[in-house]
Amino acid sequence: MDITTPQLLYHGTTSSTVESFRHTLLQSRYWKPGKDFGEGFYTTISIAQARRWAHKTAKESWDGGKPCVLVVELTSLPERVEPLLFLSDSPAWGSFVYSHRKAGVKGQDPCKRHPDIIIGPMADNDTGKIVHKGVQLNKDDNWFYEQITRSEKGRKLDALKLGNQVVFSSERWEPHLTLVGYHIFAGGRWMYGDARSTSDASEIKLL
């Protein structure tokens, strides 16, 4: 499968991480377990989705950083790329998410060989509660899939409304990614900074 380049992707974080990301984007020691697609650098094709991630991250952060969205360009591909692609929510997608959400210890991976890039829908924000309930009641993958793809009223959720994510699970992608810029939310508005600029005075612009 071919992935065309260049592509722009967005990562939600806080402003306090920008300098670190300027140096290195993929830092696996900071990747947290228990996420939809396991440990990795989570990006999305939607800047609106990344902004929601950024607000959530800033709200949960203790460092006082402001909501921040990194603009990352995928400039090229490593050799022999074998991405795992979920076109929409499916039982296979649900099983993958469930197994990785339950893996709460760093370094613990249910995959025999974890894909180094995974593309597919996000799970719902209530997934953590559903996983906890599933573990407590020893529920299987089919139960989990039904829970995360239906509303509280039992209606099937639209896969497009779940959101999209592109996850880099290996540091070998580092040479193929470039930090182009970043959006910081301050004073009720988003401001853009050019990550390639060497002038601190000229890099922040109001949007």
C-alpha atoms as a PDB file:
ATOM      1  CA  MET A   1       0.000   0.000   0.000  1.00  0.00           C
ATOM      2  CA  ASP A   2       1.312   3.439  -0.967  1.00  0.00           C
ATOM      3  CA  ILE A   3       0.956   6.571   1.143  1.00  0.00           C
ATOM      4  CA  THR A   4       1.383   9.743  -0.878  1.00  0.00           C
ATOM      5  CA  THR A   5       3.622  12.479   0.477  1.00  0.00           C
ATOM      6  CA  PRO A   6       3.835  15.216   1.553  1.00  0.00           C
ATOM      7  CA  GLN A   7       0.904  15.148   3.981  1.00  0.00           C
ATOM      8  CA  LEU A   8       0.044  17.536   6.810  1.00  0.00           C
ATOM      9  CA  LEU A   9      -0.928  16.037  10.164  1.00  0.00           C
ATOM     10  CA  TYR A  10      -1.830  17.602  13.520  1.00  0.00           C
ATOM     11  CA  HIS A  11      -0.926  16.649  17.093  1.00  0.00           C
ATOM     12  CA  GLY A  12      -2.665  18.047  20.184  1.00  0.00           C
ATOM     13  CA  THR A  13      -0.393  18.872  23.126  1.00  0.00           C
ATOM     14  CA  THR A  14       0.524  21.838  25.363  1.00  0.00           C
ATOM     15  CA  SER A  15       2.745  24.849  24.699  1.00  0.00           C
ATOM     16  CA  SER A  16       5.304  23.649  27.250  1.00  0.00           C
ATOM     17  CA  THR A  17       6.288  20.761  24.945  1.00  0.00           C
ATOM     18  CA  VAL A  18       7.076  22.802  21.829  1.00  0.00           C
ATOM     19  CA  GLU A  19      10.806  23.189  22.457  1.00  0.00           C
ATOM     20  CA  SER A  20      11.183  19.465  23.077  1.00  0.00           C
ATOM     21  CA  PHE A  21       9.281  18.637  19.887  1.00  0.00           C
ATOM     22  CA  ARG A  22      11.434  21.093  17.930  1.00  0.00           C
ATOM     23  CA  HIS A  23      14.349  18.807  18.711  1.00  0.00           C
ATOM     24  CA  THR A  24      12.651  15.417  18.324  1.00  0.00           C
ATOM     25  CA  LEU A  25       9.066  14.533  17.434  1.00  0.00           C
ATOM     26  CA  LEU A  26       9.127  10.812  18.194  1.00  0.00           C
ATOM     27  CA  GLN A  27      10.175  10.158  21.789  1.00  0.00           C
ATOM     28  CA  SER A  28       8.932   6.683  22.677  1.00  0.00           C
ATOM     29  CA  ARG A  29       9.919   6.975  26.344  1.00  0.00           C
ATOM     30  CA  TYR A  30       7.029   9.417  26.776  1.00  0.00           C
ATOM     31  CA  TRP A  31       4.419   7.376  24.904  1.00  0.00           C
ATOM     32  CA  LYS A  32       1.663   6.179  27.214  1.00  0.00           C
ATOM     33  CA  PRO A  33       0.060   2.729  27.177  1.00  0.00           C
ATOM     34  CA  GLY A  34      -3.668   2.056  27.315  1.00  0.00           C
ATOM     35  CA  LYS A  35      -4.582   4.051  24.197  1.00  0.00           C
ATOM     36  CA  ASP A  36      -6.675   3.013  21.172  1.00  0.00           C
ATOM     37  CA  PHE A  37      -3.755   1.847  19.055  1.00  0.00           C
ATOM     38  CA  GLY A  38      -1.207   1.348  21.816  1.00  0.00           C
ATOM     39  CA  GLU A  39       1.864   3.448  22.541  1.00  0.00           C
ATOM     40  CA  GLY A  40       2.748   5.968  19.868  1.00  0.00           C
ATOM     41  CA  PHE A  41       2.739   9.529  18.547  1.00  0.00           C
ATOM     42  CA  TYR A  42      -0.916  10.306  17.839  1.00  0.00           C
ATOM     43  CA  THR A  43      -1.828  12.637  14.981  1.00  0.00           C
ATOM     44  CA  THR A  44      -4.944  13.403  12.964  1.00  0.00           C
ATOM     45  CA  ILE A  45      -5.795  14.863   9.569  1.00  0.00           C
ATOM     46  CA  SER A  46      -8.294  17.188  11.281  1.00  0.00           C
ATOM     47  CA  ILE A  47      -7.008  20.359  12.918  1.00  0.00           C
ATOM     48  CA  ALA A  48     -10.365  20.699  14.708  1.00  0.00           C
ATOM     49  CA  GLN A  49      -9.870  17.264  16.263  1.00  0.00           C
ATOM     50  CA  ALA A  50      -6.302  18.150  17.255  1.00  0.00           C
ATOM     51  CA  ARG A  51      -7.572  21.314  18.941  1.00  0.00           C
ATOM     52  CA  ARG A  52      -9.966  19.225  21.025  1.00  0.00           C
ATOM     53  CA  TRP A  53      -7.046  16.961  21.985  1.00  0.00           C
ATOM     54  CA  ALA A  54      -4.996  20.036  22.906  1.00  0.00           C
ATOM     55  CA  HIS A  55      -7.697  21.497  25.157  1.00  0.00           C
ATOM     56  CA  LYS A  56      -8.156  18.135  26.879  1.00  0.00           C
ATOM     57  CA  THR A  57      -4.398  17.691  27.362  1.00  0.00           C
ATOM     58  CA  ALA A  58      -3.974  21.211  28.765  1.00  0.00           C
ATOM     59  CA  LYS A  59      -6.886  20.698  31.152  1.00  0.00           C
ATOM     60  CA  GLU A  60      -5.281  17.510  32.501  1.00  0.00           C
ATOM     61  CA  SER A  61      -1.749  18.937  32.583  1.00  0.00           C
ATOM     62  CA  TRP A  62      -0.007  20.165  35.730  1.00  0.00           C
ATOM     63  CA  ASP A  63       2.657  22.263  33.996  1.00  0.00           C
ATOM     64  CA  GLY A  64       0.453  25.243  33.158  1.00  0.00           C
ATOM     65  CA  GLY A  65       0.975  24.892  29.417  1.00  0.00           C
ATOM     66  CA  LYS A  66      -1.587  26.320  27.015  1.00  0.00           C
ATOM     67  CA  PRO A  67      -3.453  24.194  24.444  1.00  0.00           C
ATOM     68  CA  CYS A  68      -1.164  23.692  21.460  1.00  0.00           C
ATOM     69  CA  VAL A  69      -1.490  21.972  18.083  1.00  0.00           C
ATOM     70  CA  LEU A  70       1.648  20.891  16.254  1.00  0.00           C
ATOM     71  CA  VAL A  71       1.603  21.018  12.457  1.00  0.00           C
ATOM     72  CA  VAL A  72       3.638  18.044  11.262  1.00  0.00           C
ATOM     73  CA  GLU A  73       4.535  17.253   7.664  1.00  0.00           C
ATOM     74  CA  LEU A  74       5.008  13.657   6.557  1.00  0.00           C
ATOM     75  CA  THR A  75       7.670  14.284   3.930  1.00  0.00           C
ATOM     76  CA  SER A  76       8.613  10.753   2.878  1.00  0.00           C
ATOM     77  CA  LEU A  77       8.296   7.097   3.849  1.00  0.00           C
ATOM     78  CA  PRO A  78      10.726   4.571   5.318  1.00  0.00           C
ATOM     79  CA  GLU A  79      11.510   1.470   3.289  1.00  0.00           C
ATOM     80  CA  ARG A  80       9.146  -1.504   3.502  1.00  0.00           C
ATOM     81  CA  VAL A  81       6.186   0.228   5.112  1.00  0.00           C
ATOM     82  CA  GLU A  82       3.329  -2.080   6.124  1.00  0.00           C
ATOM     83  CA  PRO A  83       0.624   0.146   7.627  1.00  0.00           C
ATOM     84  CA  LEU A  84      -2.367  -1.207   9.477  1.00  0.00           C
ATOM     85  CA  LEU A  85      -5.409   0.541   8.033  1.00  0.00           C
ATOM     86  CA  PHE A  86      -8.946   0.503   9.401  1.00  0.00           C
ATOM     87  CA  LEU A  87     -11.175   2.246   6.841  1.00  0.00           C
ATOM     88  CA  SER A  88     -14.010   2.494   9.360  1.00  0.00           C
ATOM     89  CA  ASP A  89     -15.165   0.988  12.630  1.00  0.00           C
ATOM     90  CA  SER A  90     -15.366  -2.813  12.362  1.00  0.00           C
ATOM     91  CA  PRO A  91     -15.181  -5.832  14.695  1.00  0.00           C
ATOM     92  CA  ALA A  92     -11.458  -6.144  13.874  1.00  0.00           C
ATOM     93  CA  TRP A  93     -10.931  -2.479  14.742  1.00  0.00           C
ATOM     94  CA  GLY A  94     -12.902  -2.907  17.975  1.00  0.00           C
ATOM     95  CA  SER A  95     -10.854  -5.952  18.961  1.00  0.00           C
ATOM     96  CA  PHE A  96      -7.589  -4.092  18.286  1.00  0.00           C
ATOM     97  CA  VAL A  97      -8.697  -1.098  20.353  1.00  0.00           C
ATOM     98  CA  TYR A  98      -9.994  -3.258  23.216  1.00  0.00           C
ATOM     99  CA  SER A  99      -6.793  -5.283  23.519  1.00  0.00           C
ATOM    100  CA  HIS A 100      -4.595  -2.173  23.506  1.00  0.00           C
ATOM    101  CA  ARG A 101      -6.827  -0.209  25.863  1.00  0.00           C
ATOM    102  CA  LYS A 102      -6.500  -3.067  28.362  1.00  0.00           C
ATOM    103  CA  ALA A 103      -2.691  -3.018  28.100  1.00  0.00           C
ATOM    104  CA  GLY A 104      -2.058  -0.514  30.874  1.00  0.00           C
ATOM    105  CA  VAL A 105       1.617  -1.266  31.522  1.00  0.00           C
ATOM    106  CA  LYS A 106       4.273   0.467  29.421  1.00  0.00           C
ATOM    107  CA  GLY A 107       6.001  -2.029  27.136  1.00  0.00           C
ATOM    108  CA  GLN A 108       3.108  -4.470  27.351  1.00  0.00           C
ATOM    109  CA  ASP A 109       1.789  -5.112  23.834  1.00  0.00           C
ATOM    110  CA  PRO A 110      -0.882  -7.629  22.771  1.00  0.00           C
ATOM    111  CA  CYS A 111       0.524  -7.674  19.217  1.00  0.00           C
ATOM    112  CA  LYS A 112       3.127 -10.257  18.240  1.00  0.00           C
ATOM    113  CA  ARG A 113       4.544  -7.579  15.954  1.00  0.00           C
ATOM    114  CA  HIS A 114       3.107  -4.125  16.458  1.00  0.00           C
ATOM    115  CA  PRO A 115       2.580  -2.127  13.225  1.00  0.00           C
ATOM    116  CA  ASP A 116       4.779   0.962  13.066  1.00  0.00           C
ATOM    117  CA  ILE A 117       1.973   3.082  11.612  1.00  0.00           C
ATOM    118  CA  ILE A 118      -1.755   2.641  12.212  1.00  0.00           C
ATOM    119  CA  ILE A 119      -4.559   4.612  10.569  1.00  0.00           C
ATOM    120  CA  GLY A 120      -8.197   4.424  11.584  1.00  0.00           C
ATOM    121  CA  PRO A 121     -11.144   5.821  13.540  1.00  0.00           C
ATOM    122  CA  MET A 122     -10.924   7.010  17.122  1.00  0.00           C
ATOM    123  CA  ALA A 123     -12.910   5.338  19.849  1.00  0.00           C
ATOM    124  CA  ASP A 124     -15.474   7.390  21.774  1.00  0.00           C
ATOM    125  CA  ASN A 125     -14.465   9.556  24.741  1.00  0.00           C
ATOM    126  CA  ASP A 126     -16.305   7.183  27.103  1.00  0.00           C
ATOM    127  CA  THR A 127     -14.173   4.229  25.986  1.00  0.00           C
ATOM    128  CA  GLY A 128     -12.144   4.238  29.212  1.00  0.00           C
ATOM    129  CA  LYS A 129     -15.267   3.638  31.289  1.00  0.00           C
ATOM    130  CA  ILE A 130     -16.430   0.911  28.909  1.00  0.00           C
ATOM    131  CA  VAL A 131     -13.051  -0.847  29.063  1.00  0.00           C
ATOM    132  CA  HIS A 132     -13.112  -0.743  32.857  1.00  0.00           C
ATOM    133  CA  LYS A 133     -16.603  -2.244  32.899  1.00  0.00           C
ATOM    134  CA  GLY A 134     -15.605  -4.885  30.348  1.00  0.00           C
ATOM    135  CA  VAL A 135     -12.608  -5.965  32.408  1.00  0.00           C
ATOM    136  CA  GLN A 136     -14.630  -6.078  35.623  1.00  0.00           C
ATOM    137  CA  LEU A 137     -17.365  -8.201  34.019  1.00  0.00           C
ATOM    138  CA  ASN A 138     -14.991 -10.234  31.814  1.00  0.00           C
ATOM    139  CA  LYS A 139     -16.727  -9.115  28.610  1.00  0.00           C
ATOM    140  CA  ASP A 140     -15.490 -10.183  25.167  1.00  0.00           C
ATOM    141  CA  ASP A 141     -14.517  -8.230  22.039  1.00  0.00           C
ATOM    142  CA  ASN A 142     -18.004  -8.396  20.499  1.00  0.00           C
ATOM    143  CA  TRP A 143     -19.545  -6.814  23.594  1.00  0.00           C
ATOM    144  CA  PHE A 144     -16.944  -4.042  23.549  1.00  0.00           C
ATOM    145  CA  TYR A 145     -17.501  -3.344  19.844  1.00  0.00           C
ATOM    146  CA  GLU A 146     -21.256  -3.011  20.340  1.00  0.00           C
ATOM    147  CA  GLN A 147     -20.721  -0.677  23.294  1.00  0.00           C
ATOM    148  CA  ILE A 148     -18.383   1.759  21.529  1.00  0.00           C
ATOM    149  CA  THR A 149     -20.288   1.946  18.236  1.00  0.00           C
ATOM    150  CA  ARG A 150     -23.720   2.742  19.668  1.00  0.00           C
ATOM    151  CA  SER A 151     -25.131   5.743  21.492  1.00  0.00           C
ATOM    152  CA  GLU A 152     -26.760   5.551  24.912  1.00  0.00           C
ATOM    153  CA  LYS A 153     -30.083   5.206  23.073  1.00  0.00           C
ATOM    154  CA  GLY A 154     -28.758   2.242  21.094  1.00  0.00           C
ATOM    155  CA  ARG A 155     -28.317   4.047  17.794  1.00  0.00           C
ATOM    156  CA  LYS A 156     -25.392   3.179  15.547  1.00  0.00           C
ATOM    157  CA  LEU A 157     -22.758   5.940  15.659  1.00  0.00           C
ATOM    158  CA  ASP A 158     -21.514   7.506  12.431  1.00  0.00           C
ATOM    159  CA  ALA A 159     -17.884   6.458  11.920  1.00  0.00           C
ATOM    160  CA  LEU A 160     -17.065   9.893  10.489  1.00  0.00           C
ATOM    161  CA  LYS A 161     -18.102  11.518  13.771  1.00  0.00           C
ATOM    162  CA  LEU A 162     -15.716   9.328  15.751  1.00  0.00           C
ATOM    163  CA  GLY A 163     -12.719  11.152  14.312  1.00  0.00           C
ATOM    164  CA  ASN A 164      -9.569   9.984  12.557  1.00  0.00           C
ATOM    165  CA  GLN A 165      -6.112   9.189  13.888  1.00  0.00           C
ATOM    166  CA  VAL A 166      -2.741   8.387  12.352  1.00  0.00           C
ATOM    167  CA  VAL A 167      -0.403   6.827  14.904  1.00  0.00           C
ATOM    168  CA  PHE A 168       3.360   6.443  14.533  1.00  0.00           C
ATOM    169  CA  SER A 169       4.483   3.561  16.751  1.00  0.00           C
ATOM    170  CA  SER A 170       8.161   3.453  15.827  1.00  0.00           C
ATOM    171  CA  GLU A 171      10.931   6.032  16.067  1.00  0.00           C
ATOM    172  CA  ARG A 172      12.165   4.985  12.618  1.00  0.00           C
ATOM    173  CA  TRP A 173       9.658   7.494  11.220  1.00  0.00           C
ATOM    174  CA  GLU A 174      11.533  10.426  12.803  1.00  0.00           C
ATOM    175  CA  PRO A 175      13.614  11.341   9.693  1.00  0.00           C
ATOM    176  CA  HIS A 176      10.427  11.394   7.635  1.00  0.00           C
ATOM    177  CA  LEU A 177       8.534  13.888   9.797  1.00  0.00           C
ATOM    178  CA  THR A 178       9.072  17.650  10.001  1.00  0.00           C
ATOM    179  CA  LEU A 179       7.637  20.080  12.545  1.00  0.00           C
ATOM    180  CA  VAL A 180       6.333  22.888  10.337  1.00  0.00           C
ATOM    181  CA  GLY A 181       4.639  25.055  12.938  1.00  0.00           C
ATOM    182  CA  TYR A 182       2.330  25.158  15.926  1.00  0.00           C
ATOM    183  CA  HIS A 183      -0.936  26.796  17.001  1.00  0.00           C
ATOM    184  CA  ILE A 184      -1.173  28.033  20.601  1.00  0.00           C
ATOM    185  CA  PHE A 185      -4.485  28.978  22.215  1.00  0.00           C
ATOM    186  CA  ALA A 186      -4.099  32.108  24.334  1.00  0.00           C
ATOM    187  CA  GLY A 187      -6.351  35.028  25.129  1.00  0.00           C
ATOM    188  CA  GLY A 188      -9.346  33.283  23.594  1.00  0.00           C
ATOM    189  CA  ARG A 189      -7.773  32.842  20.168  1.00  0.00           C
ATOM    190  CA  TRP A 190      -5.335  30.615  18.304  1.00  0.00           C
ATOM    191  CA  MET A 191      -1.931  32.023  17.366  1.00  0.00           C
ATOM    192  CA  TYR A 192       0.425  30.432  14.859  1.00  0.00           C
ATOM    193  CA  GLY A 193       4.171  30.042  15.196  1.00  0.00           C
ATOM    194  CA  ASP A 194       6.545  28.983  12.429  1.00  0.00           C
ATOM    195  CA  ALA A 195       8.724  26.213  13.859  1.00  0.00           C
ATOM    196  CA  ARG A 196      11.314  26.805  11.151  1.00  0.00           C
ATOM    197  CA  SER A 197      11.783  30.459  12.102  1.00  0.00           C
ATOM    198  CA  THR A 198      14.868  31.479  14.081  1.00  0.00           C
ATOM    199  CA  SER A 199      13.349  34.778  15.186  1.00  0.00           C
ATOM    200  CA  ASP A 200      11.236  34.577  18.346  1.00  0.00           C
ATOM    201  CA  ALA A 201       9.867  38.051  17.669  1.00  0.00           C
ATOM    202  CA  SER A 202       8.427  37.227  14.255  1.00  0.00           C
ATOM    203  CA  GLU A 203       7.279  33.654  14.611  1.00  0.00           C
ATOM    204  CA  ILE A 204       3.942  34.130  16.455  1.00  0.00           C
ATOM    205  CA  LYS A 205       1.032  35.417  14.376  1.00  0.00           C
ATOM    206  CA  LEU A 206      -2.617  35.927  15.259  1.00  0.00           C
ATOM    207  CA  LEU A 207      -5.093  33.837  13.283  1.00  0.00           C
END
